Amino acid sequence: MSKPPRLTLPSVARARRLSTDRGDFAVHEAGEAARGTALLVPGFTGSKEDFIALLEPLAAVGYRVVAVDGRGQYETPGPREESAYALEALALDLLAQARALDAGPVHLLGHSLGGLISRAAVLRDPAPFASLTLMSSGPAAISEEQQARTKLLVAALEALREDMPAVWAAMRAQDPEDAVPDSAELTDFLRERWLATVPEQLIATGRALISEPDRVAELAVVPLPKLVLSGAVDYAWPVPLMDDMADRLGASRVVVEGAEHSPNAENQQVTAGALAAFWDSCTLWTTHSR
């Protein structure tokens, strides 16, 4: 899971609700759209807080950035029905969010599971988007080792969905013994976020992570500039797999040194710089493609 390096919003950001034709979504928003607007989509077990460290540096260079809790994620409510969290349904939510931002085409970034959802949204309708960034998100299902772990988690959730504290305790008991302890503040936040997330959301999206087909060929023909960004190590999708995906997509490729599965939290300055440079280049791409 992504662990934000801090939990306090920078002074340039605010928490609010984004009203769309598919409901209201909790967001963190920062900056003015001098150079564009970006929509940031978190991953499995994640939330908008995963992007806190990117808000200030991206706002400082002229981007309006909006990080969202998806349906059933943390501070956005959702129904207790698994069908509400199919990737296609979540993709429709993203399209509604992009429309509600009322900013013209927006730069779409999806982290991990958020990349699969973002891909589904772009394949359904690329018109609301200026670009697509797949951050630590691969071409199909997660690695076999992570599939096994996720299957165990989904099974636990199916059996104990009315006892989320018990599932949380069991999940954290699997943390490596040599892991650096989280701060008390972060520990409390991670538990609160888990308990606030709808279990059916976790079950449905967990299944998606272990069954998603390869849709790279479909995405490659969509006329949008694309970026594949990852850390130097990744446990969900091996880095060489993401290298190959970028080649197949004809996408830009950035590897953030000193980061693993969450470069947005683990090396935010380099990640923010790479995103701003890519988004800036999209203006030239759009002009040249016309």
C-alpha atoms as a PDB file:
ATOM      1  CA  MET A   1       0.000   0.000   0.000  1.00  0.00           C
ATOM      2  CA  SER A   2       1.099   3.583  -0.581  1.00  0.00           C
ATOM      3  CA  LYS A   3       2.198   5.389   2.567  1.00  0.00           C
ATOM      4  CA  PRO A   4       2.083   9.186   2.275  1.00  0.00           C
ATOM      5  CA  PRO A   5       5.285  10.826   3.548  1.00  0.00           C
ATOM      6  CA  ARG A   6       3.082  13.351   5.336  1.00  0.00           C
ATOM      7  CA  LEU A   7      -0.634  13.808   5.993  1.00  0.00           C
ATOM      8  CA  THR A   8      -1.073  17.572   6.337  1.00  0.00           C
ATOM      9  CA  LEU A   9      -2.218  19.350   3.196  1.00  0.00           C
ATOM     10  CA  PRO A  10       0.139  22.093   1.967  1.00  0.00           C
ATOM     11  CA  SER A  11      -1.146  25.644   2.233  1.00  0.00           C
ATOM     12  CA  VAL A  12      -1.821  25.764  -1.526  1.00  0.00           C
ATOM     13  CA  ALA A  13      -4.267  22.844  -1.340  1.00  0.00           C
ATOM     14  CA  ARG A  14      -7.775  22.305  -0.042  1.00  0.00           C
ATOM     15  CA  ALA A  15     -10.079  19.371   0.609  1.00  0.00           C
ATOM     16  CA  ARG A  16     -13.493  19.544  -1.042  1.00  0.00           C
ATOM     17  CA  ARG A  17     -16.232  17.521  -2.729  1.00  0.00           C
ATOM     18  CA  LEU A  18     -16.330  17.271  -6.501  1.00  0.00           C
ATOM     19  CA  SER A  19     -19.938  17.039  -7.688  1.00  0.00           C
ATOM     20  CA  THR A  20     -20.489  14.998 -10.851  1.00  0.00           C
ATOM     21  CA  ASP A  21     -23.399  13.408 -12.673  1.00  0.00           C
ATOM     22  CA  ARG A  22     -22.345  10.116 -11.014  1.00  0.00           C
ATOM     23  CA  GLY A  23     -22.234  11.449  -7.474  1.00  0.00           C
ATOM     24  CA  ASP A  24     -19.896  13.413  -5.233  1.00  0.00           C
ATOM     25  CA  PHE A  25     -16.240  12.493  -4.745  1.00  0.00           C
ATOM     26  CA  ALA A  26     -13.792  13.585  -2.045  1.00  0.00           C
ATOM     27  CA  VAL A  27     -10.782  15.361  -3.566  1.00  0.00           C
ATOM     28  CA  HIS A  28      -7.668  17.304  -2.678  1.00  0.00           C
ATOM     29  CA  GLU A  29      -7.135  20.192  -5.073  1.00  0.00           C
ATOM     30  CA  ALA A  30      -4.202  22.569  -5.491  1.00  0.00           C
ATOM     31  CA  GLY A  31      -3.025  25.214  -7.912  1.00  0.00           C
ATOM     32  CA  GLU A  32      -4.361  27.243 -10.805  1.00  0.00           C
ATOM     33  CA  ALA A  33      -4.579  25.864 -14.325  1.00  0.00           C
ATOM     34  CA  ALA A  34      -2.039  28.198 -15.946  1.00  0.00           C
ATOM     35  CA  ARG A  35      -0.481  25.240 -17.777  1.00  0.00           C
ATOM     36  CA  GLY A  36      -3.225  22.643 -17.430  1.00  0.00           C
ATOM     37  CA  THR A  37      -5.262  20.463 -15.088  1.00  0.00           C
ATOM     38  CA  ALA A  38      -4.409  16.949 -13.918  1.00  0.00           C
ATOM     39  CA  LEU A  39      -6.604  14.260 -12.349  1.00  0.00           C
ATOM     40  CA  LEU A  40      -4.736  11.823 -10.075  1.00  0.00           C
ATOM     41  CA  VAL A  41      -6.249   8.383  -9.447  1.00  0.00           C
ATOM     42  CA  PRO A  42      -5.009   6.231  -6.525  1.00  0.00           C
ATOM     43  CA  GLY A  43      -4.431   2.507  -6.408  1.00  0.00           C
ATOM     44  CA  PHE A  44      -5.664  -0.533  -4.507  1.00  0.00           C
ATOM     45  CA  THR A  45      -6.156   0.185  -0.758  1.00  0.00           C
ATOM     46  CA  GLY A  46      -5.108   3.770  -1.521  1.00  0.00           C
ATOM     47  CA  SER A  47      -6.648   7.235  -1.444  1.00  0.00           C
ATOM     48  CA  LYS A  48      -6.120  10.830  -2.516  1.00  0.00           C
ATOM     49  CA  GLU A  49      -3.623  11.245   0.355  1.00  0.00           C
ATOM     50  CA  ASP A  50      -1.127   9.158  -1.630  1.00  0.00           C
ATOM     51  CA  PHE A  51      -0.568  12.246  -3.810  1.00  0.00           C
ATOM     52  CA  ILE A  52      -0.194  14.856  -1.043  1.00  0.00           C
ATOM     53  CA  ALA A  53       3.536  15.214  -1.672  1.00  0.00           C
ATOM     54  CA  LEU A  54       2.965  16.030  -5.377  1.00  0.00           C
ATOM     55  CA  LEU A  55       0.408  18.792  -4.874  1.00  0.00           C
ATOM     56  CA  GLU A  56       2.699  21.675  -3.957  1.00  0.00           C
ATOM     57  CA  PRO A  57       5.494  21.107  -6.516  1.00  0.00           C
ATOM     58  CA  LEU A  58       3.022  20.648  -9.374  1.00  0.00           C
ATOM     59  CA  ALA A  59       0.953  23.664  -8.315  1.00  0.00           C
ATOM     60  CA  ALA A  60       4.163  25.717  -8.105  1.00  0.00           C
ATOM     61  CA  VAL A  61       4.884  25.203 -11.802  1.00  0.00           C
ATOM     62  CA  GLY A  62       1.396  26.148 -12.951  1.00  0.00           C
ATOM     63  CA  TYR A  63      -0.716  23.006 -12.832  1.00  0.00           C
ATOM     64  CA  ARG A  64      -4.093  22.541 -11.196  1.00  0.00           C
ATOM     65  CA  VAL A  65      -3.945  19.085  -9.644  1.00  0.00           C
ATOM     66  CA  VAL A  66      -6.926  17.157  -8.310  1.00  0.00           C
ATOM     67  CA  ALA A  67      -6.397  13.895  -6.398  1.00  0.00           C
ATOM     68  CA  VAL A  68      -9.552  11.845  -5.904  1.00  0.00           C
ATOM     69  CA  ASP A  69     -10.962   9.138  -3.660  1.00  0.00           C
ATOM     70  CA  GLY A  70     -12.776   6.782  -6.000  1.00  0.00           C
ATOM     71  CA  ARG A  71     -16.220   5.379  -5.294  1.00  0.00           C
ATOM     72  CA  GLY A  72     -16.107   3.427  -2.026  1.00  0.00           C
ATOM     73  CA  GLN A  73     -12.553   4.613  -1.257  1.00  0.00           C
ATOM     74  CA  TYR A  74     -11.866   6.287   2.103  1.00  0.00           C
ATOM     75  CA  GLU A  75     -13.876   9.553   2.156  1.00  0.00           C
ATOM     76  CA  THR A  76     -16.050   8.856  -0.889  1.00  0.00           C
ATOM     77  CA  PRO A  77     -19.020   6.624  -0.003  1.00  0.00           C
ATOM     78  CA  GLY A  78     -20.182   3.737  -2.114  1.00  0.00           C
ATOM     79  CA  PRO A  79     -22.762   0.941  -2.155  1.00  0.00           C
ATOM     80  CA  ARG A  80     -22.284  -2.518  -0.639  1.00  0.00           C
ATOM     81  CA  GLU A  81     -22.546  -4.124  -4.072  1.00  0.00           C
ATOM     82  CA  GLU A  82     -19.528  -5.556  -5.883  1.00  0.00           C
ATOM     83  CA  SER A  83     -20.936  -4.695  -9.319  1.00  0.00           C
ATOM     84  CA  ALA A  84     -20.546  -0.992  -8.517  1.00  0.00           C
ATOM     85  CA  TYR A  85     -16.764  -1.431  -8.548  1.00  0.00           C
ATOM     86  CA  ALA A  86     -16.192  -3.190 -11.854  1.00  0.00           C
ATOM     87  CA  LEU A  87     -13.448  -1.427 -13.823  1.00  0.00           C
ATOM     88  CA  GLU A  88     -15.935  -0.220 -16.428  1.00  0.00           C
ATOM     89  CA  ALA A  89     -18.113   1.357 -13.731  1.00  0.00           C
ATOM     90  CA  LEU A  90     -15.095   3.044 -12.141  1.00  0.00           C
ATOM     91  CA  ALA A  91     -14.018   4.224 -15.598  1.00  0.00           C
ATOM     92  CA  LEU A  92     -17.393   5.922 -16.025  1.00  0.00           C
ATOM     93  CA  ASP A  93     -16.732   7.685 -12.712  1.00  0.00           C
ATOM     94  CA  LEU A  94     -13.420   9.022 -14.055  1.00  0.00           C
ATOM     95  CA  LEU A  95     -15.093  10.327 -17.182  1.00  0.00           C
ATOM     96  CA  ALA A  96     -17.681  12.083 -15.018  1.00  0.00           C
ATOM     97  CA  GLN A  97     -14.943  13.571 -12.841  1.00  0.00           C
ATOM     98  CA  ALA A  98     -13.066  14.883 -15.872  1.00  0.00           C
ATOM     99  CA  ARG A  99     -16.241  16.535 -17.161  1.00  0.00           C
ATOM    100  CA  ALA A 100     -16.987  18.049 -13.758  1.00  0.00           C
ATOM    101  CA  LEU A 101     -13.571  19.693 -13.570  1.00  0.00           C
ATOM    102  CA  ASP A 102     -14.763  21.911 -16.451  1.00  0.00           C
ATOM    103  CA  ALA A 103     -11.200  22.473 -17.603  1.00  0.00           C
ATOM    104  CA  GLY A 104     -11.126  21.122 -21.128  1.00  0.00           C
ATOM    105  CA  PRO A 105      -8.964  18.025 -21.694  1.00  0.00           C
ATOM    106  CA  VAL A 106      -7.193  17.016 -18.478  1.00  0.00           C
ATOM    107  CA  HIS A 107      -4.006  15.080 -17.895  1.00  0.00           C
ATOM    108  CA  LEU A 108      -4.998  11.715 -16.416  1.00  0.00           C
ATOM    109  CA  LEU A 109      -2.652   9.834 -14.075  1.00  0.00           C
ATOM    110  CA  GLY A 110      -3.434   6.442 -12.599  1.00  0.00           C
ATOM    111  CA  HIS A 111      -1.278   4.782  -9.946  1.00  0.00           C
ATOM    112  CA  SER A 112      -1.220   0.955  -9.895  1.00  0.00           C
ATOM    113  CA  LEU A 113      -4.881  -0.173  -9.927  1.00  0.00           C
ATOM    114  CA  GLY A 114      -5.676   3.447 -10.794  1.00  0.00           C
ATOM    115  CA  GLY A 115      -3.735   2.917 -14.009  1.00  0.00           C
ATOM    116  CA  LEU A 116      -5.997   0.030 -15.009  1.00  0.00           C
ATOM    117  CA  ILE A 117      -9.063   2.169 -14.267  1.00  0.00           C
ATOM    118  CA  SER A 118      -7.591   5.107 -16.177  1.00  0.00           C
ATOM    119  CA  ARG A 119      -6.800   2.863 -19.133  1.00  0.00           C
ATOM    120  CA  ALA A 120     -10.406   1.642 -19.178  1.00  0.00           C
ATOM    121  CA  ALA A 121     -11.643   5.255 -19.144  1.00  0.00           C
ATOM    122  CA  VAL A 122      -9.390   6.297 -22.031  1.00  0.00           C
ATOM    123  CA  LEU A 123     -10.368   3.243 -24.068  1.00  0.00           C
ATOM    124  CA  ARG A 124     -14.023   4.081 -23.523  1.00  0.00           C
ATOM    125  CA  ASP A 125     -13.664   7.782 -24.417  1.00  0.00           C
ATOM    126  CA  PRO A 126     -10.323   9.591 -24.829  1.00  0.00           C
ATOM    127  CA  ALA A 127     -11.932  12.963 -25.630  1.00  0.00           C
ATOM    128  CA  PRO A 128     -11.867  14.396 -22.050  1.00  0.00           C
ATOM    129  CA  PHE A 129      -8.123  13.761 -21.686  1.00  0.00           C
ATOM    130  CA  ALA A 130      -4.972  15.563 -22.769  1.00  0.00           C
ATOM    131  CA  SER A 131      -2.628  12.693 -21.866  1.00  0.00           C
ATOM    132  CA  LEU A 132      -2.387   9.434 -19.950  1.00  0.00           C
ATOM    133  CA  THR A 133       0.257   8.546 -17.356  1.00  0.00           C
ATOM    134  CA  LEU A 134       0.470   4.970 -16.102  1.00  0.00           C
ATOM    135  CA  MET A 135       2.384   5.114 -12.810  1.00  0.00           C
ATOM    136  CA  SER A 136       3.611   1.769 -11.473  1.00  0.00           C
ATOM    137  CA  SER A 137       0.871   0.095 -13.487  1.00  0.00           C
ATOM    138  CA  GLY A 138       1.422  -2.715 -15.945  1.00  0.00           C
ATOM    139  CA  PRO A 139      -0.069  -4.252 -19.066  1.00  0.00           C
ATOM    140  CA  ALA A 140      -2.266  -6.907 -17.446  1.00  0.00           C
ATOM    141  CA  ALA A 141      -2.670  -8.726 -14.117  1.00  0.00           C
ATOM    142  CA  ILE A 142      -0.147  -8.241 -11.325  1.00  0.00           C
ATOM    143  CA  SER A 143       2.796 -10.607 -10.808  1.00  0.00           C
ATOM    144  CA  GLU A 144       2.095 -14.210  -9.773  1.00  0.00           C
ATOM    145  CA  GLU A 145       3.465 -13.644  -6.268  1.00  0.00           C
ATOM    146  CA  GLN A 146       1.217 -10.626  -5.774  1.00  0.00           C
ATOM    147  CA  GLN A 147      -1.733 -12.484  -7.272  1.00  0.00           C
ATOM    148  CA  ALA A 148      -1.337 -15.122  -4.556  1.00  0.00           C
ATOM    149  CA  ARG A 149      -1.250 -12.481  -1.822  1.00  0.00           C
ATOM    150  CA  THR A 150      -4.234 -10.647  -3.279  1.00  0.00           C
ATOM    151  CA  LYS A 151      -6.271 -13.856  -3.577  1.00  0.00           C
ATOM    152  CA  LEU A 152      -5.710 -14.480   0.134  1.00  0.00           C
ATOM    153  CA  LEU A 153      -6.808 -10.944   0.953  1.00  0.00           C
ATOM    154  CA  VAL A 154      -9.938 -11.194  -1.219  1.00  0.00           C
ATOM    155  CA  ALA A 155     -10.847 -14.509   0.429  1.00  0.00           C
ATOM    156  CA  ALA A 156     -10.428 -12.960   3.881  1.00  0.00           C
ATOM    157  CA  LEU A 157     -12.594 -10.011   2.895  1.00  0.00           C
ATOM    158  CA  GLU A 158     -15.293 -12.287   1.516  1.00  0.00           C
ATOM    159  CA  ALA A 159     -15.381 -14.211   4.783  1.00  0.00           C
ATOM    160  CA  LEU A 160     -14.971 -11.275   7.167  1.00  0.00           C
ATOM    161  CA  ARG A 161     -16.345  -8.253   5.324  1.00  0.00           C
ATOM    162  CA  GLU A 162     -18.347  -7.300   8.423  1.00  0.00           C
ATOM    163  CA  ASP A 163     -15.193  -7.403  10.557  1.00  0.00           C
ATOM    164  CA  MET A 164     -12.760  -5.156   8.746  1.00  0.00           C
ATOM    165  CA  PRO A 165     -10.623  -4.586  11.897  1.00  0.00           C
ATOM    166  CA  ALA A 166      -9.861  -8.320  11.992  1.00  0.00           C
ATOM    167  CA  VAL A 167      -8.786  -8.346   8.336  1.00  0.00           C
ATOM    168  CA  TRP A 168      -6.614  -5.303   8.939  1.00  0.00           C
ATOM    169  CA  ALA A 169      -4.902  -6.928  11.908  1.00  0.00           C
ATOM    170  CA  ALA A 170      -4.249 -10.102   9.936  1.00  0.00           C
ATOM    171  CA  MET A 171      -2.891  -8.148   6.979  1.00  0.00           C
ATOM    172  CA  ARG A 172      -0.504  -6.072   9.082  1.00  0.00           C
ATOM    173  CA  ALA A 173       0.681  -9.217  10.852  1.00  0.00           C
ATOM    174  CA  GLN A 174       2.212 -10.208   7.492  1.00  0.00           C
ATOM    175  CA  ASP A 175       4.463  -7.118   7.406  1.00  0.00           C
ATOM    176  CA  PRO A 176       8.173  -8.054   7.216  1.00  0.00           C
ATOM    177  CA  GLU A 177       9.834  -8.252  10.623  1.00  0.00           C
ATOM    178  CA  ASP A 178      12.604  -5.903   9.488  1.00  0.00           C
ATOM    179  CA  ALA A 179      10.190  -3.257   8.119  1.00  0.00           C
ATOM    180  CA  VAL A 180      10.746   0.277   9.372  1.00  0.00           C
ATOM    181  CA  PRO A 181       7.921   1.022  11.849  1.00  0.00           C
ATOM    182  CA  ASP A 182       5.358   3.600  10.742  1.00  0.00           C
ATOM    183  CA  SER A 183       4.838   6.690  12.861  1.00  0.00           C
ATOM    184  CA  ALA A 184       1.872   6.639  15.224  1.00  0.00           C
ATOM    185  CA  GLU A 185       0.127   9.235  13.052  1.00  0.00           C
ATOM    186  CA  LEU A 186       0.609   7.209   9.874  1.00  0.00           C
ATOM    187  CA  THR A 187      -0.411   3.968  11.605  1.00  0.00           C
ATOM    188  CA  ASP A 188      -3.666   5.566  12.744  1.00  0.00           C
ATOM    189  CA  PHE A 189      -4.350   7.016   9.287  1.00  0.00           C
ATOM    190  CA  LEU A 190      -3.732   3.744   7.430  1.00  0.00           C
ATOM    191  CA  ARG A 191      -6.096   1.891   9.752  1.00  0.00           C
ATOM    192  CA  GLU A 192      -8.743   4.618   9.495  1.00  0.00           C
ATOM    193  CA  ARG A 193      -8.533   4.578   5.700  1.00  0.00           C
ATOM    194  CA  TRP A 194      -8.873   0.803   5.606  1.00  0.00           C
ATOM    195  CA  LEU A 195     -11.921   0.802   7.888  1.00  0.00           C
ATOM    196  CA  ALA A 196     -13.572   3.570   5.862  1.00  0.00           C
ATOM    197  CA  THR A 197     -13.133   1.785   2.518  1.00  0.00           C
ATOM    198  CA  VAL A 198     -16.092  -0.309   1.387  1.00  0.00           C
ATOM    199  CA  PRO A 199     -15.136  -4.016   1.513  1.00  0.00           C
ATOM    200  CA  GLU A 200     -16.953  -4.756  -1.740  1.00  0.00           C
ATOM    201  CA  GLN A 201     -14.745  -2.151  -3.420  1.00  0.00           C
ATOM    202  CA  LEU A 202     -11.652  -3.995  -2.225  1.00  0.00           C
ATOM    203  CA  ILE A 203     -13.046  -7.386  -3.237  1.00  0.00           C
ATOM    204  CA  ALA A 204     -14.024  -6.295  -6.754  1.00  0.00           C
ATOM    205  CA  THR A 205     -10.850  -4.330  -7.464  1.00  0.00           C
ATOM    206  CA  GLY A 206      -8.695  -7.062  -5.945  1.00  0.00           C
ATOM    207  CA  ARG A 207     -10.223  -9.512  -8.392  1.00  0.00           C
ATOM    208  CA  ALA A 208      -9.513  -7.080 -11.225  1.00  0.00           C
ATOM    209  CA  LEU A 209      -5.836  -6.971 -10.282  1.00  0.00           C
ATOM    210  CA  ILE A 210      -5.533 -10.742 -10.586  1.00  0.00           C
ATOM    211  CA  SER A 211      -7.558 -11.142 -13.786  1.00  0.00           C
ATOM    212  CA  GLU A 212      -7.064  -8.032 -15.951  1.00  0.00           C
ATOM    213  CA  PRO A 213      -6.209  -8.957 -19.561  1.00  0.00           C
ATOM    214  CA  ASP A 214      -3.495  -7.312 -21.628  1.00  0.00           C
ATOM    215  CA  ARG A 215      -5.083  -4.342 -23.421  1.00  0.00           C
ATOM    216  CA  VAL A 216      -1.900  -2.619 -24.562  1.00  0.00           C
ATOM    217  CA  ALA A 217      -2.601  -3.112 -28.265  1.00  0.00           C
ATOM    218  CA  GLU A 218      -5.987  -1.408 -27.855  1.00  0.00           C
ATOM    219  CA  LEU A 219      -4.437   1.488 -25.967  1.00  0.00           C
ATOM    220  CA  ALA A 220      -1.554   1.922 -28.409  1.00  0.00           C
ATOM    221  CA  VAL A 221      -3.878   3.106 -31.176  1.00  0.00           C
ATOM    222  CA  VAL A 222      -5.553   5.759 -29.002  1.00  0.00           C
ATOM    223  CA  PRO A 223      -4.149   9.121 -30.185  1.00  0.00           C
ATOM    224  CA  LEU A 224      -3.053  10.487 -26.811  1.00  0.00           C
ATOM    225  CA  PRO A 225       0.469  11.163 -25.532  1.00  0.00           C
ATOM    226  CA  LYS A 226       1.366   8.526 -22.958  1.00  0.00           C
ATOM    227  CA  LEU A 227       3.920   8.173 -20.172  1.00  0.00           C
ATOM    228  CA  VAL A 228       4.915   5.044 -18.271  1.00  0.00           C
ATOM    229  CA  LEU A 229       6.522   6.051 -14.972  1.00  0.00           C
ATOM    230  CA  SER A 230       7.749   3.739 -12.233  1.00  0.00           C
ATOM    231  CA  GLY A 231      10.284   3.309  -9.493  1.00  0.00           C
ATOM    232  CA  ALA A 232      13.509   1.390 -10.063  1.00  0.00           C
ATOM    233  CA  VAL A 233      11.988  -1.669  -8.336  1.00  0.00           C
ATOM    234  CA  ASP A 234       8.378  -2.818  -8.385  1.00  0.00           C
ATOM    235  CA  TYR A 235       6.749  -5.799  -6.674  1.00  0.00           C
ATOM    236  CA  ALA A 236       3.409  -5.600  -8.504  1.00  0.00           C
ATOM    237  CA  TRP A 237       4.669  -5.402 -12.091  1.00  0.00           C
ATOM    238  CA  PRO A 238       8.379  -6.075 -12.782  1.00  0.00           C
ATOM    239  CA  VAL A 239      10.169  -3.040 -14.206  1.00  0.00           C
ATOM    240  CA  PRO A 240      11.194  -4.848 -17.443  1.00  0.00           C
ATOM    241  CA  LEU A 241       7.513  -5.577 -18.051  1.00  0.00           C
ATOM    242  CA  MET A 242       6.739  -1.871 -17.817  1.00  0.00           C
ATOM    243  CA  ASP A 243       9.698  -1.094 -20.111  1.00  0.00           C
ATOM    244  CA  ASP A 244       8.208  -3.434 -22.700  1.00  0.00           C
ATOM    245  CA  MET A 245       4.736  -1.934 -22.243  1.00  0.00           C
ATOM    246  CA  ALA A 246       6.121   1.551 -22.900  1.00  0.00           C
ATOM    247  CA  ASP A 247       7.744   0.293 -26.118  1.00  0.00           C
ATOM    248  CA  ARG A 248       4.499  -1.319 -27.245  1.00  0.00           C
ATOM    249  CA  LEU A 249       2.590   1.869 -26.504  1.00  0.00           C
ATOM    250  CA  GLY A 250       5.112   4.180 -28.118  1.00  0.00           C
ATOM    251  CA  ALA A 251       5.060   5.969 -24.758  1.00  0.00           C
ATOM    252  CA  SER A 252       7.581   8.108 -22.949  1.00  0.00           C
ATOM    253  CA  ARG A 253       9.351   6.205 -20.153  1.00  0.00           C
ATOM    254  CA  VAL A 254      10.681   7.468 -16.805  1.00  0.00           C
ATOM    255  CA  VAL A 255      12.285   5.355 -14.081  1.00  0.00           C
ATOM    256  CA  VAL A 256      12.524   7.185 -10.760  1.00  0.00           C
ATOM    257  CA  GLU A 257      15.623   6.130  -8.867  1.00  0.00           C
ATOM    258  CA  GLY A 258      15.265   5.718  -5.123  1.00  0.00           C
ATOM    259  CA  ALA A 259      11.619   4.708  -5.486  1.00  0.00           C
ATOM    260  CA  GLU A 260       9.728   1.433  -5.667  1.00  0.00           C
ATOM    261  CA  HIS A 261       5.966   0.965  -6.218  1.00  0.00           C
ATOM    262  CA  SER A 262       4.986   4.478  -5.076  1.00  0.00           C
ATOM    263  CA  PRO A 263       7.289   7.097  -6.625  1.00  0.00           C
ATOM    264  CA  ASN A 264       4.574   9.655  -5.845  1.00  0.00           C
ATOM    265  CA  ALA A 265       5.374   9.147  -2.149  1.00  0.00           C
ATOM    266  CA  GLU A 266       8.952   7.846  -2.209  1.00  0.00           C
ATOM    267  CA  ASN A 267      10.676  10.417  -4.460  1.00  0.00           C
ATOM    268  CA  GLN A 268       8.139  13.145  -5.010  1.00  0.00           C
ATOM    269  CA  GLN A 269      10.458  15.879  -6.295  1.00  0.00           C
ATOM    270  CA  VAL A 270      11.826  13.792  -9.169  1.00  0.00           C
ATOM    271  CA  THR A 271       8.352  12.410  -9.890  1.00  0.00           C
ATOM    272  CA  ALA A 272       6.766  15.873  -9.951  1.00  0.00           C
ATOM    273  CA  GLY A 273       9.511  17.158 -12.249  1.00  0.00           C
ATOM    274  CA  ALA A 274       9.037  14.259 -14.653  1.00  0.00           C
ATOM    275  CA  LEU A 275       5.263  14.746 -14.730  1.00  0.00           C
ATOM    276  CA  ALA A 276       5.509  18.487 -15.350  1.00  0.00           C
ATOM    277  CA  ALA A 277       8.028  17.941 -18.148  1.00  0.00           C
ATOM    278  CA  PHE A 278       5.786  15.342 -19.779  1.00  0.00           C
ATOM    279  CA  TRP A 279       2.652  17.454 -19.455  1.00  0.00           C
ATOM    280  CA  ASP A 280       4.511  20.445 -20.902  1.00  0.00           C
ATOM    281  CA  SER A 281       5.548  18.306 -23.878  1.00  0.00           C
ATOM    282  CA  CYS A 282       1.929  17.384 -24.557  1.00  0.00           C
ATOM    283  CA  THR A 283       1.233  20.908 -25.795  1.00  0.00           C
ATOM    284  CA  LEU A 284       3.896  20.452 -28.461  1.00  0.00           C
ATOM    285  CA  TRP A 285       2.569  16.959 -29.238  1.00  0.00           C
ATOM    286  CA  THR A 286      -0.963  18.293 -29.729  1.00  0.00           C
ATOM    287  CA  THR A 287       0.224  21.139 -31.948  1.00  0.00           C
ATOM    288  CA  HIS A 288       2.356  18.790 -34.068  1.00  0.00           C
ATOM    289  CA  SER A 289      -0.425  16.195 -34.414  1.00  0.00           C
ATOM    290  CA  ARG A 290      -2.898  18.619 -35.883  1.00  0.00           C
END
